[in-house]
Amino acid sequence: MSMRSLLALALVVVAVACLSAPRGAQGAGECGKTPADKMALKLAPCASAGQDPKSAPSSGCCTAVHTIGKQSPKCLCAVMLSDTAKSAGIKPEVAMSIPKRCNLVDRPVGYKCGAYTLP
């Protein structure tokens, strides 16, 4: 993916997140006080790995997934299934395999994430 394509993808993700963010939302969701759609912006380095199951995730992608997953499997699930991630072209069934492709030893194996299970 070219640098220009990555920049365009990042701008689309930011625009979608800004437009879809609830105004004045209080309380905690799956990712605490940060909405999953906003947290999904951290998955920008995972753009190609979230579209192609044969693509090797970058170290930046693996770091982002590990950081989000440490917060909670529930948050990681919400982020991978978020409208922001989908708008960026990330396929949920492919995204679910990223923790395994990153060789994260503390990944939530078998965690049910909507209609998907983390391998």
PDB file of N, CA and C in Angstrom:
ATOM      1  N   MET A   1       0.850  -1.158   0.000  1.00  0.00           N
ATOM      2  CA  MET A   1       0.000   0.000   0.000  1.00  0.00           C
ATOM      3  C   MET A   1       0.902   1.230   0.000  1.00  0.00           C
ATOM      4  N   SER A   2       0.644   2.156  -0.908  1.00  0.00           N
ATOM      5  CA  SER A   2       1.484   3.338  -1.025  1.00  0.00           C
ATOM      6  C   SER A   2       1.233   4.300   0.130  1.00  0.00           C
ATOM      7  N   MET A   3       2.164   5.201   0.336  1.00  0.00           N
ATOM      8  CA  MET A   3       2.041   6.192   1.403  1.00  0.00           C
ATOM      9  C   MET A   3       0.819   7.073   1.158  1.00  0.00           C
ATOM     10  N   ARG A   4       0.565   7.394  -0.090  1.00  0.00           N
ATOM     11  CA  ARG A   4      -0.601   8.224  -0.436  1.00  0.00           C
ATOM     12  C   ARG A   4      -1.894   7.484  -0.071  1.00  0.00           C
ATOM     13  N   SER A   5      -1.963   6.179  -0.337  1.00  0.00           N
ATOM     14  CA  SER A   5      -3.142   5.392   0.004  1.00  0.00           C
ATOM     15  C   SER A   5      -3.340   5.315   1.510  1.00  0.00           C
ATOM     16  N   LEU A   6      -2.243   5.136   2.252  1.00  0.00           N
ATOM     17  CA  LEU A   6      -2.338   5.091   3.709  1.00  0.00           C
ATOM     18  C   LEU A   6      -2.822   6.412   4.270  1.00  0.00           C
ATOM     19  N   LEU A   7      -2.339   7.518   3.723  1.00  0.00           N
ATOM     20  CA  LEU A   7      -2.765   8.837   4.182  1.00  0.00           C
ATOM     21  C   LEU A   7      -4.244   9.042   3.893  1.00  0.00           C
ATOM     22  N   ALA A   8      -4.680   8.647   2.699  1.00  0.00           N
ATOM     23  CA  ALA A   8      -6.094   8.774   2.347  1.00  0.00           C
ATOM     24  C   ALA A   8      -6.955   7.916   3.270  1.00  0.00           C
ATOM     25  N   LEU A   9      -6.501   6.706   3.561  1.00  0.00           N
ATOM     26  CA  LEU A   9      -7.231   5.817   4.456  1.00  0.00           C
ATOM     27  C   LEU A   9      -7.325   6.427   5.852  1.00  0.00           C
ATOM     28  N   ALA A  10      -6.228   6.984   6.334  1.00  0.00           N
ATOM     29  CA  ALA A  10      -6.222   7.600   7.663  1.00  0.00           C
ATOM     30  C   ALA A  10      -7.190   8.777   7.717  1.00  0.00           C
ATOM     31  N   LEU A  11      -7.227   9.578   6.669  1.00  0.00           N
ATOM     32  CA  LEU A  11      -8.142  10.723   6.636  1.00  0.00           C
ATOM     33  C   LEU A  11      -9.594  10.266   6.624  1.00  0.00           C
ATOM     34  N   VAL A  12      -9.900   9.208   5.882  1.00  0.00           N
ATOM     35  CA  VAL A  12     -11.261   8.669   5.862  1.00  0.00           C
ATOM     36  C   VAL A  12     -11.652   8.164   7.247  1.00  0.00           C
ATOM     37  N   VAL A  13     -10.751   7.451   7.883  1.00  0.00           N
ATOM     38  CA  VAL A  13     -11.024   6.908   9.212  1.00  0.00           C
ATOM     39  C   VAL A  13     -11.283   8.036  10.206  1.00  0.00           C
ATOM     40  N   VAL A  14     -10.464   9.070  10.169  1.00  0.00           N
ATOM     41  CA  VAL A  14     -10.640  10.203  11.085  1.00  0.00           C
ATOM     42  C   VAL A  14     -11.967  10.903  10.809  1.00  0.00           C
ATOM     43  N   ALA A  15     -12.288  11.120   9.554  1.00  0.00           N
ATOM     44  CA  ALA A  15     -13.540  11.788   9.208  1.00  0.00           C
ATOM     45  C   ALA A  15     -14.749  10.982   9.676  1.00  0.00           C
ATOM     46  N   VAL A  16     -14.729   9.681   9.441  1.00  0.00           N
ATOM     47  CA  VAL A  16     -15.840   8.834   9.866  1.00  0.00           C
ATOM     48  C   VAL A  16     -15.966   8.846  11.388  1.00  0.00           C
ATOM     49  N   ALA A  17     -14.844   8.775  12.064  1.00  0.00           N
ATOM     50  CA  ALA A  17     -14.871   8.781  13.530  1.00  0.00           C
ATOM     51  C   ALA A  17     -15.438  10.087  14.064  1.00  0.00           C
ATOM     52  N   CYS A  18     -15.050  11.179  13.458  1.00  0.00           N
ATOM     53  CA  CYS A  18     -15.546  12.485  13.914  1.00  0.00           C
ATOM     54  C   CYS A  18     -17.045  12.625  13.659  1.00  0.00           C
ATOM     55  N   LEU A  19     -17.494  12.137  12.518  1.00  0.00           N
ATOM     56  CA  LEU A  19     -18.905  12.244  12.183  1.00  0.00           C
ATOM     57  C   LEU A  19     -19.787  11.289  12.976  1.00  0.00           C
ATOM     58  N   SER A  20     -19.239  10.132  13.365  1.00  0.00           N
ATOM     59  CA  SER A  20     -20.058   9.136  14.046  1.00  0.00           C
ATOM     60  C   SER A  20     -19.925   9.185  15.558  1.00  0.00           C
ATOM     61  N   ALA A  21     -19.024  10.022  16.090  1.00  0.00           N
ATOM     62  CA  ALA A  21     -18.841  10.089  17.542  1.00  0.00           C
ATOM     63  C   ALA A  21     -20.063  10.701  18.191  1.00  0.00           C
ATOM     64  N   PRO A  22     -20.584  10.057  19.248  1.00  0.00           N
ATOM     65  CA  PRO A  22     -21.741  10.609  19.937  1.00  0.00           C
ATOM     66  C   PRO A  22     -21.369  11.905  20.644  1.00  0.00           C
ATOM     67  N   ARG A  23     -22.252  12.875  20.601  1.00  0.00           N
ATOM     68  CA  ARG A  23     -22.017  14.159  21.242  1.00  0.00           C
ATOM     69  C   ARG A  23     -22.456  14.089  22.699  1.00  0.00           C
ATOM     70  N   GLY A  24     -21.565  14.481  23.589  1.00  0.00           N
ATOM     71  CA  GLY A  24     -21.916  14.545  24.999  1.00  0.00           C
ATOM     72  C   GLY A  24     -22.087  13.197  25.658  1.00  0.00           C
ATOM     73  N   ALA A  25     -21.537  12.146  25.086  1.00  0.00           N
ATOM     74  CA  ALA A  25     -21.704  10.810  25.667  1.00  0.00           C
ATOM     75  C   ALA A  25     -20.963  10.727  26.998  1.00  0.00           C
ATOM     76  N   GLN A  26     -21.597  10.164  27.969  1.00  0.00           N
ATOM     77  CA  GLN A  26     -21.012   9.993  29.292  1.00  0.00           C
ATOM     78  C   GLN A  26     -20.968   8.506  29.607  1.00  0.00           C
ATOM     79  N   GLY A  27     -20.207   8.135  30.617  1.00  0.00           N
ATOM     80  CA  GLY A  27     -20.183   6.747  31.043  1.00  0.00           C
ATOM     81  C   GLY A  27     -19.088   5.967  30.356  1.00  0.00           C
ATOM     82  N   ALA A  28     -19.132   4.678  30.571  1.00  0.00           N
ATOM     83  CA  ALA A  28     -18.085   3.811  30.047  1.00  0.00           C
ATOM     84  C   ALA A  28     -18.680   2.780  29.103  1.00  0.00           C
ATOM     85  N   GLY A  29     -17.928   2.495  28.045  1.00  0.00           N
ATOM     86  CA  GLY A  29     -18.319   1.462  27.094  1.00  0.00           C
ATOM     87  C   GLY A  29     -17.336   0.312  27.186  1.00  0.00           C
ATOM     88  N   GLU A  30     -17.215  -0.425  26.107  1.00  0.00           N
ATOM     89  CA  GLU A  30     -16.314  -1.578  26.070  1.00  0.00           C
ATOM     90  C   GLU A  30     -14.861  -1.181  26.301  1.00  0.00           C
ATOM     91  N   CYS A  31     -14.519   0.036  25.913  1.00  0.00           N
ATOM     92  CA  CYS A  31     -13.134   0.516  26.029  1.00  0.00           C
ATOM     93  C   CYS A  31     -13.021   1.642  27.062  1.00  0.00           C
ATOM     94  N   GLY A  32     -13.822   1.571  28.088  1.00  0.00           N
ATOM     95  CA  GLY A  32     -13.798   2.612  29.106  1.00  0.00           C
ATOM     96  C   GLY A  32     -14.484   3.861  28.600  1.00  0.00           C
ATOM     97  N   LYS A  33     -13.879   5.015  28.842  1.00  0.00           N
ATOM     98  CA  LYS A  33     -14.496   6.281  28.427  1.00  0.00           C
ATOM     99  C   LYS A  33     -14.240   6.609  26.963  1.00  0.00           C
ATOM    100  N   THR A  34     -13.348   5.860  26.309  1.00  0.00           N
ATOM    101  CA  THR A  34     -13.050   6.085  24.893  1.00  0.00           C
ATOM    102  C   THR A  34     -13.968   5.212  24.047  1.00  0.00           C
ATOM    103  N   PRO A  35     -14.770   5.807  23.170  1.00  0.00           N
ATOM    104  CA  PRO A  35     -15.642   5.003  22.308  1.00  0.00           C
ATOM    105  C   PRO A  35     -14.822   4.068  21.412  1.00  0.00           C
ATOM    106  N   ALA A  36     -15.357   2.892  21.153  1.00  0.00           N
ATOM    107  CA  ALA A  36     -14.659   1.906  20.317  1.00  0.00           C
ATOM    108  C   ALA A  36     -14.331   2.477  18.942  1.00  0.00           C
ATOM    109  N   ASP A  37     -15.230   3.304  18.371  1.00  0.00           N
ATOM    110  CA  ASP A  37     -14.961   3.891  17.059  1.00  0.00           C
ATOM    111  C   ASP A  37     -13.751   4.813  17.100  1.00  0.00           C
ATOM    112  N   LYS A  38     -13.562   5.529  18.190  1.00  0.00           N
ATOM    113  CA  LYS A  38     -12.387   6.396  18.321  1.00  0.00           C
ATOM    114  C   LYS A  38     -11.134   5.551  18.580  1.00  0.00           C
ATOM    115  N   MET A  39     -11.267   4.515  19.396  1.00  0.00           N
ATOM    116  CA  MET A  39     -10.138   3.618  19.687  1.00  0.00           C
ATOM    117  C   MET A  39      -9.679   2.921  18.405  1.00  0.00           C
ATOM    118  N   ALA A  40     -10.602   2.715  17.466  1.00  0.00           N
ATOM    119  CA  ALA A  40     -10.276   2.035  16.206  1.00  0.00           C
ATOM    120  C   ALA A  40      -9.265   2.810  15.376  1.00  0.00           C
ATOM    121  N   LEU A  41      -9.111   4.090  15.632  1.00  0.00           N
ATOM    122  CA  LEU A  41      -8.119   4.881  14.905  1.00  0.00           C
ATOM    123  C   LEU A  41      -6.717   4.340  15.147  1.00  0.00           C
ATOM    124  N   LYS A  42      -6.520   3.674  16.288  1.00  0.00           N
ATOM    125  CA  LYS A  42      -5.215   3.094  16.597  1.00  0.00           C
ATOM    126  C   LYS A  42      -4.895   1.915  15.686  1.00  0.00           C
ATOM    127  N   LEU A  43      -5.917   1.390  15.007  1.00  0.00           N
ATOM    128  CA  LEU A  43      -5.698   0.263  14.097  1.00  0.00           C
ATOM    129  C   LEU A  43      -5.254   0.700  12.700  1.00  0.00           C
ATOM    130  N   ALA A  44      -4.984   1.977  12.502  1.00  0.00           N
ATOM    131  CA  ALA A  44      -4.545   2.457  11.177  1.00  0.00           C
ATOM    132  C   ALA A  44      -3.377   1.649  10.620  1.00  0.00           C
ATOM    133  N   PRO A  45      -2.383   1.250  11.448  1.00  0.00           N
ATOM    134  CA  PRO A  45      -1.294   0.441  10.896  1.00  0.00           C
ATOM    135  C   PRO A  45      -1.725  -0.963  10.462  1.00  0.00           C
ATOM    136  N   CYS A  46      -2.961  -1.330  10.782  1.00  0.00           N
ATOM    137  CA  CYS A  46      -3.462  -2.668  10.463  1.00  0.00           C
ATOM    138  C   CYS A  46      -4.302  -2.698   9.192  1.00  0.00           C
ATOM    139  N   ALA A  47      -4.283  -1.612   8.426  1.00  0.00           N
ATOM    140  CA  ALA A  47      -5.156  -1.527   7.249  1.00  0.00           C
ATOM    141  C   ALA A  47      -4.998  -2.714   6.308  1.00  0.00           C
ATOM    142  N   SER A  48      -3.791  -3.025   5.896  1.00  0.00           N
ATOM    143  CA  SER A  48      -3.618  -4.131   4.949  1.00  0.00           C
ATOM    144  C   SER A  48      -3.802  -5.485   5.638  1.00  0.00           C
ATOM    145  N   ALA A  49      -3.350  -5.620   6.886  1.00  0.00           N
ATOM    146  CA  ALA A  49      -3.506  -6.887   7.610  1.00  0.00           C
ATOM    147  C   ALA A  49      -4.975  -7.177   7.918  1.00  0.00           C
ATOM    148  N   GLY A  50      -5.801  -6.130   7.972  1.00  0.00           N
ATOM    149  CA  GLY A  50      -7.227  -6.304   8.234  1.00  0.00           C
ATOM    150  C   GLY A  50      -8.037  -6.588   6.995  1.00  0.00           C
ATOM    151  N   GLN A  51      -7.378  -6.541   5.842  1.00  0.00           N
ATOM    152  CA  GLN A  51      -8.060  -6.813   4.581  1.00  0.00           C
ATOM    153  C   GLN A  51      -7.611  -8.111   3.945  1.00  0.00           C
ATOM    154  N   ASP A  52      -6.360  -8.490   4.187  1.00  0.00           N
ATOM    155  CA  ASP A  52      -5.782  -9.666   3.543  1.00  0.00           C
ATOM    156  C   ASP A  52      -5.258 -10.635   4.606  1.00  0.00           C
ATOM    157  N   PRO A  53      -5.886 -11.803   4.739  1.00  0.00           N
ATOM    158  CA  PRO A  53      -5.457 -12.742   5.774  1.00  0.00           C
ATOM    159  C   PRO A  53      -4.050 -13.300   5.565  1.00  0.00           C
ATOM    160  N   LYS A  54      -3.493 -13.121   4.377  1.00  0.00           N
ATOM    161  CA  LYS A  54      -2.145 -13.614   4.097  1.00  0.00           C
ATOM    162  C   LYS A  54      -1.090 -12.533   4.304  1.00  0.00           C
ATOM    163  N   SER A  55      -1.537 -11.325   4.595  1.00  0.00           N
ATOM    164  CA  SER A  55      -0.631 -10.204   4.813  1.00  0.00           C
ATOM    165  C   SER A  55      -0.031 -10.287   6.219  1.00  0.00           C
ATOM    166  N   ALA A  56       1.274 -10.093   6.318  1.00  0.00           N
ATOM    167  CA  ALA A  56       1.934 -10.088   7.628  1.00  0.00           C
ATOM    168  C   ALA A  56       1.663  -8.748   8.299  1.00  0.00           C
ATOM    169  N   PRO A  57       1.102  -8.752   9.517  1.00  0.00           N
ATOM    170  CA  PRO A  57       0.857  -7.486  10.219  1.00  0.00           C
ATOM    171  C   PRO A  57       2.181  -6.795  10.549  1.00  0.00           C
ATOM    172  N   SER A  58       2.189  -5.480  10.441  1.00  0.00           N
ATOM    173  CA  SER A  58       3.391  -4.714  10.775  1.00  0.00           C
ATOM    174  C   SER A  58       3.599  -4.712  12.284  1.00  0.00           C
ATOM    175  N   SER A  59       4.787  -4.331  12.705  1.00  0.00           N
ATOM    176  CA  SER A  59       5.047  -4.266  14.144  1.00  0.00           C
ATOM    177  C   SER A  59       4.156  -3.211  14.785  1.00  0.00           C
ATOM    178  N   GLY A  60       3.877  -2.111  14.074  1.00  0.00           N
ATOM    179  CA  GLY A  60       2.970  -1.082  14.594  1.00  0.00           C
ATOM    180  C   GLY A  60       1.564  -1.612  14.791  1.00  0.00           C
ATOM    181  N   CYS A  61       1.126  -2.455  13.862  1.00  0.00           N
ATOM    182  CA  CYS A  61      -0.194  -3.080  13.970  1.00  0.00           C
ATOM    183  C   CYS A  61      -0.228  -4.004  15.185  1.00  0.00           C
ATOM    184  N   CYS A  62       0.784  -4.837  15.321  1.00  0.00           N
ATOM    185  CA  CYS A  62       0.825  -5.789  16.435  1.00  0.00           C
ATOM    186  C   CYS A  62       0.869  -5.062  17.779  1.00  0.00           C
ATOM    187  N   THR A  63       1.609  -3.961  17.833  1.00  0.00           N
ATOM    188  CA  THR A  63       1.669  -3.175  19.066  1.00  0.00           C
ATOM    189  C   THR A  63       0.303  -2.602  19.393  1.00  0.00           C
ATOM    190  N   ALA A  64      -0.391  -2.056  18.393  1.00  0.00           N
ATOM    191  CA  ALA A  64      -1.724  -1.486  18.611  1.00  0.00           C
ATOM    192  C   ALA A  64      -2.712  -2.548  19.080  1.00  0.00           C
ATOM    193  N   VAL A  65      -2.712  -3.699  18.427  1.00  0.00           N
ATOM    194  CA  VAL A  65      -3.631  -4.782  18.802  1.00  0.00           C
ATOM    195  C   VAL A  65      -3.315  -5.280  20.213  1.00  0.00           C
ATOM    196  N   HIS A  66      -2.031  -5.406  20.534  1.00  0.00           N
ATOM    197  CA  HIS A  66      -1.642  -5.859  21.868  1.00  0.00           C
ATOM    198  C   HIS A  66      -2.088  -4.855  22.927  1.00  0.00           C
ATOM    199  N   THR A  67      -1.895  -3.571  22.670  1.00  0.00           N
ATOM    200  CA  THR A  67      -2.287  -2.522  23.619  1.00  0.00           C
ATOM    201  C   THR A  67      -3.792  -2.523  23.852  1.00  0.00           C
ATOM    202  N   ILE A  68      -4.554  -2.598  22.779  1.00  0.00           N
ATOM    203  CA  ILE A  68      -6.017  -2.614  22.906  1.00  0.00           C
ATOM    204  C   ILE A  68      -6.466  -3.895  23.599  1.00  0.00           C
ATOM    205  N   GLY A  69      -5.869  -5.019  23.242  1.00  0.00           N
ATOM    206  CA  GLY A  69      -6.229  -6.310  23.840  1.00  0.00           C
ATOM    207  C   GLY A  69      -5.908  -6.376  25.321  1.00  0.00           C
ATOM    208  N   LYS A  70      -4.835  -5.692  25.747  1.00  0.00           N
ATOM    209  CA  LYS A  70      -4.491  -5.673  27.176  1.00  0.00           C
ATOM    210  C   LYS A  70      -5.559  -4.941  27.973  1.00  0.00           C
ATOM    211  N   GLN A  71      -6.193  -3.953  27.345  1.00  0.00           N
ATOM    212  CA  GLN A  71      -7.265  -3.223  28.023  1.00  0.00           C
ATOM    213  C   GLN A  71      -8.383  -4.203  28.357  1.00  0.00           C
ATOM    214  N   SER A  72      -8.812  -4.970  27.353  1.00  0.00           N
ATOM    215  CA  SER A  72      -9.773  -6.052  27.575  1.00  0.00           C
ATOM    216  C   SER A  72     -10.108  -6.700  26.234  1.00  0.00           C
ATOM    217  N   PRO A  73     -10.406  -8.008  26.264  1.00  0.00           N
ATOM    218  CA  PRO A  73     -10.843  -8.667  25.025  1.00  0.00           C
ATOM    219  C   PRO A  73     -12.136  -8.046  24.496  1.00  0.00           C
ATOM    220  N   LYS A  74     -12.975  -7.581  25.392  1.00  0.00           N
ATOM    221  CA  LYS A  74     -14.244  -6.952  25.020  1.00  0.00           C
ATOM    222  C   LYS A  74     -13.984  -5.680  24.196  1.00  0.00           C
ATOM    223  N   CYS A  75     -12.977  -4.908  24.611  1.00  0.00           N
ATOM    224  CA  CYS A  75     -12.610  -3.693  23.884  1.00  0.00           C
ATOM    225  C   CYS A  75     -12.041  -4.052  22.514  1.00  0.00           C
ATOM    226  N   LEU A  76     -11.137  -5.013  22.474  1.00  0.00           N
ATOM    227  CA  LEU A  76     -10.537  -5.426  21.204  1.00  0.00           C
ATOM    228  C   LEU A  76     -11.619  -5.874  20.227  1.00  0.00           C
ATOM    229  N   CYS A  77     -12.560  -6.613  20.717  1.00  0.00           N
ATOM    230  CA  CYS A  77     -13.676  -7.088  19.897  1.00  0.00           C
ATOM    231  C   CYS A  77     -14.481  -5.899  19.358  1.00  0.00           C
ATOM    232  N   ALA A  78     -14.838  -4.977  20.242  1.00  0.00           N
ATOM    233  CA  ALA A  78     -15.638  -3.820  19.842  1.00  0.00           C
ATOM    234  C   ALA A  78     -14.903  -2.978  18.804  1.00  0.00           C
ATOM    235  N   VAL A  79     -13.598  -2.827  18.967  1.00  0.00           N
ATOM    236  CA  VAL A  79     -12.799  -2.039  18.033  1.00  0.00           C
ATOM    237  C   VAL A  79     -12.751  -2.716  16.667  1.00  0.00           C
ATOM    238  N   MET A  80     -12.518  -4.023  16.651  1.00  0.00           N
ATOM    239  CA  MET A  80     -12.428  -4.745  15.377  1.00  0.00           C
ATOM    240  C   MET A  80     -13.758  -4.801  14.639  1.00  0.00           C
ATOM    241  N   LEU A  81     -14.856  -4.712  15.369  1.00  0.00           N
ATOM    242  CA  LEU A  81     -16.181  -4.747  14.757  1.00  0.00           C
ATOM    243  C   LEU A  81     -16.788  -3.358  14.597  1.00  0.00           C
ATOM    244  N   SER A  82     -16.037  -2.319  14.928  1.00  0.00           N
ATOM    245  CA  SER A  82     -16.560  -0.950  14.909  1.00  0.00           C
ATOM    246  C   SER A  82     -16.857  -0.478  13.486  1.00  0.00           C
ATOM    247  N   ASP A  83     -17.744   0.515  13.415  1.00  0.00           N
ATOM    248  CA  ASP A  83     -18.062   1.122  12.125  1.00  0.00           C
ATOM    249  C   ASP A  83     -16.831   1.788  11.521  1.00  0.00           C
ATOM    250  N   THR A  84     -15.974   2.353  12.370  1.00  0.00           N
ATOM    251  CA  THR A  84     -14.755   2.999  11.881  1.00  0.00           C
ATOM    252  C   THR A  84     -13.855   1.983  11.187  1.00  0.00           C
ATOM    253  N   ALA A  85     -13.657   0.828  11.826  1.00  0.00           N
ATOM    254  CA  ALA A  85     -12.812  -0.212  11.223  1.00  0.00           C
ATOM    255  C   ALA A  85     -13.423  -0.695   9.906  1.00  0.00           C
ATOM    256  N   LYS A  86     -14.723  -0.919   9.903  1.00  0.00           N
ATOM    257  CA  LYS A  86     -15.389  -1.378   8.681  1.00  0.00           C
ATOM    258  C   LYS A  86     -15.285  -0.335   7.574  1.00  0.00           C
ATOM    259  N   SER A  87     -15.440   0.949   7.928  1.00  0.00           N
ATOM    260  CA  SER A  87     -15.341   2.029   6.946  1.00  0.00           C
ATOM    261  C   SER A  87     -13.943   2.116   6.338  1.00  0.00           C
ATOM    262  N   ALA A  88     -12.949   1.693   7.108  1.00  0.00           N
ATOM    263  CA  ALA A  88     -11.569   1.701   6.621  1.00  0.00           C
ATOM    264  C   ALA A  88     -11.266   0.469   5.776  1.00  0.00           C
ATOM    265  N   GLY A  89     -12.250  -0.405   5.598  1.00  0.00           N
ATOM    266  CA  GLY A  89     -12.058  -1.589   4.773  1.00  0.00           C
ATOM    267  C   GLY A  89     -11.559  -2.804   5.526  1.00  0.00           C
ATOM    268  N   ILE A  90     -11.505  -2.704   6.847  1.00  0.00           N
ATOM    269  CA  ILE A  90     -11.068  -3.841   7.644  1.00  0.00           C
ATOM    270  C   ILE A  90     -12.202  -4.855   7.705  1.00  0.00           C
ATOM    271  N   LYS A  91     -11.907  -6.085   7.319  1.00  0.00           N
ATOM    272  CA  LYS A  91     -12.899  -7.160   7.315  1.00  0.00           C
ATOM    273  C   LYS A  91     -12.863  -7.841   8.684  1.00  0.00           C
ATOM    274  N   PRO A  92     -14.008  -7.903   9.381  1.00  0.00           N
ATOM    275  CA  PRO A  92     -14.016  -8.487  10.732  1.00  0.00           C
ATOM    276  C   PRO A  92     -13.435  -9.892  10.797  1.00  0.00           C
ATOM    277  N   GLU A  93     -13.775 -10.737   9.827  1.00  0.00           N
ATOM    278  CA  GLU A  93     -13.284 -12.116   9.861  1.00  0.00           C
ATOM    279  C   GLU A  93     -11.770 -12.190   9.682  1.00  0.00           C
ATOM    280  N   VAL A  94     -11.195 -11.210   8.992  1.00  0.00           N
ATOM    281  CA  VAL A  94      -9.747 -11.150   8.808  1.00  0.00           C
ATOM    282  C   VAL A  94      -9.096 -10.499  10.031  1.00  0.00           C
ATOM    283  N   ALA A  95      -9.724  -9.460  10.549  1.00  0.00           N
ATOM    284  CA  ALA A  95      -9.184  -8.765  11.725  1.00  0.00           C
ATOM    285  C   ALA A  95      -9.062  -9.700  12.920  1.00  0.00           C
ATOM    286  N   MET A  96      -9.987 -10.628  13.058  1.00  0.00           N
ATOM    287  CA  MET A  96      -9.963 -11.549  14.199  1.00  0.00           C
ATOM    288  C   MET A  96      -8.694 -12.406  14.214  1.00  0.00           C
ATOM    289  N   SER A  97      -8.067 -12.566  13.048  1.00  0.00           N
ATOM    290  CA  SER A  97      -6.861 -13.392  12.980  1.00  0.00           C
ATOM    291  C   SER A  97      -5.575 -12.603  13.248  1.00  0.00           C
ATOM    292  N   ILE A  98      -5.672 -11.289  13.363  1.00  0.00           N
ATOM    293  CA  ILE A  98      -4.468 -10.475  13.562  1.00  0.00           C
ATOM    294  C   ILE A  98      -3.734 -10.819  14.852  1.00  0.00           C
ATOM    295  N   PRO A  99      -4.406 -10.956  16.002  1.00  0.00           N
ATOM    296  CA  PRO A  99      -3.644 -11.313  17.215  1.00  0.00           C
ATOM    297  C   PRO A  99      -2.835 -12.602  17.050  1.00  0.00           C
ATOM    298  N   LYS A 100      -3.414 -13.591  16.376  1.00  0.00           N
ATOM    299  CA  LYS A 100      -2.695 -14.843  16.149  1.00  0.00           C
ATOM    300  C   LYS A 100      -1.543 -14.633  15.176  1.00  0.00           C
ATOM    301  N   ARG A 101      -1.788 -13.866  14.102  1.00  0.00           N
ATOM    302  CA  ARG A 101      -0.731 -13.602  13.118  1.00  0.00           C
ATOM    303  C   ARG A 101       0.400 -12.778  13.723  1.00  0.00           C
ATOM    304  N   CYS A 102       0.098 -12.025  14.790  1.00  0.00           N
ATOM    305  CA  CYS A 102       1.136 -11.259  15.496  1.00  0.00           C
ATOM    306  C   CYS A 102       1.861 -12.124  16.528  1.00  0.00           C
ATOM    307  N   ASN A 103       1.429 -13.371  16.676  1.00  0.00           N
ATOM    308  CA  ASN A 103       2.012 -14.289  17.664  1.00  0.00           C
ATOM    309  C   ASN A 103       1.917 -13.745  19.090  1.00  0.00           C
ATOM    310  N   LEU A 104       0.782 -13.101  19.404  1.00  0.00           N
ATOM    311  CA  LEU A 104       0.580 -12.576  20.751  1.00  0.00           C
ATOM    312  C   LEU A 104       0.235 -13.733  21.680  1.00  0.00           C
ATOM    313  N   VAL A 105       1.123 -14.019  22.607  1.00  0.00           N
ATOM    314  CA  VAL A 105       0.928 -15.172  23.484  1.00  0.00           C
ATOM    315  C   VAL A 105      -0.210 -14.961  24.474  1.00  0.00           C
ATOM    316  N   ASP A 106      -0.509 -13.708  24.800  1.00  0.00           N
ATOM    317  CA  ASP A 106      -1.571 -13.443  25.768  1.00  0.00           C
ATOM    318  C   ASP A 106      -2.893 -13.048  25.092  1.00  0.00           C
ATOM    319  N   ARG A 107      -3.047 -13.453  23.822  1.00  0.00           N
ATOM    320  CA  ARG A 107      -4.294 -13.138  23.120  1.00  0.00           C
ATOM    321  C   ARG A 107      -5.441 -13.962  23.707  1.00  0.00           C
ATOM    322  N   PRO A 108      -6.657 -13.438  23.605  1.00  0.00           N
ATOM    323  CA  PRO A 108      -7.810 -14.142  24.192  1.00  0.00           C
ATOM    324  C   PRO A 108      -8.330 -15.259  23.275  1.00  0.00           C
ATOM    325  N   VAL A 109      -7.609 -16.354  23.205  1.00  0.00           N
ATOM    326  CA  VAL A 109      -7.972 -17.479  22.338  1.00  0.00           C
ATOM    327  C   VAL A 109      -9.367 -17.984  22.709  1.00  0.00           C
ATOM    328  N   GLY A 110     -10.206 -18.160  21.696  1.00  0.00           N
ATOM    329  CA  GLY A 110     -11.541 -18.696  21.907  1.00  0.00           C
ATOM    330  C   GLY A 110     -12.571 -17.670  22.357  1.00  0.00           C
ATOM    331  N   TYR A 111     -12.178 -16.408  22.498  1.00  0.00           N
ATOM    332  CA  TYR A 111     -13.105 -15.364  22.930  1.00  0.00           C
ATOM    333  C   TYR A 111     -14.136 -15.136  21.829  1.00  0.00           C
ATOM    334  N   LYS A 112     -15.408 -15.177  22.179  1.00  0.00           N
ATOM    335  CA  LYS A 112     -16.487 -14.951  21.216  1.00  0.00           C
ATOM    336  C   LYS A 112     -16.620 -13.452  20.977  1.00  0.00           C
ATOM    337  N   CYS A 113     -16.537 -13.087  19.730  1.00  0.00           N
ATOM    338  CA  CYS A 113     -16.578 -11.690  19.326  1.00  0.00           C
ATOM    339  C   CYS A 113     -17.699 -11.549  18.281  1.00  0.00           C
ATOM    340  N   GLY A 114     -18.894 -11.285  18.737  1.00  0.00           N
ATOM    341  CA  GLY A 114     -20.028 -11.266  17.826  1.00  0.00           C
ATOM    342  C   GLY A 114     -20.209 -12.652  17.238  1.00  0.00           C
ATOM    343  N   ALA A 115     -20.243 -12.738  15.916  1.00  0.00           N
ATOM    344  CA  ALA A 115     -20.389 -14.019  15.230  1.00  0.00           C
ATOM    345  C   ALA A 115     -19.047 -14.714  15.028  1.00  0.00           C
ATOM    346  N   TYR A 116     -17.980 -14.100  15.521  1.00  0.00           N
ATOM    347  CA  TYR A 116     -16.626 -14.603  15.291  1.00  0.00           C
ATOM    348  C   TYR A 116     -15.999 -15.093  16.598  1.00  0.00           C
ATOM    349  N   THR A 117     -15.013 -15.959  16.464  1.00  0.00           N
ATOM    350  CA  THR A 117     -14.235 -16.437  17.614  1.00  0.00           C
ATOM    351  C   THR A 117     -12.778 -16.139  17.321  1.00  0.00           C
ATOM    352  N   LEU A 118     -12.103 -15.555  18.302  1.00  0.00           N
ATOM    353  CA  LEU A 118     -10.679 -15.262  18.128  1.00  0.00           C
ATOM    354  C   LEU A 118      -9.891 -16.566  18.128  1.00  0.00           C
ATOM    355  N   PRO A 119      -9.086 -16.781  17.071  1.00  0.00           N
ATOM    356  CA  PRO A 119      -8.294 -18.037  17.003  1.00  0.00           C
ATOM    357  C   PRO A 119      -7.090 -18.001  17.946  1.00  0.00           C
TER     358      PRO A 119
END
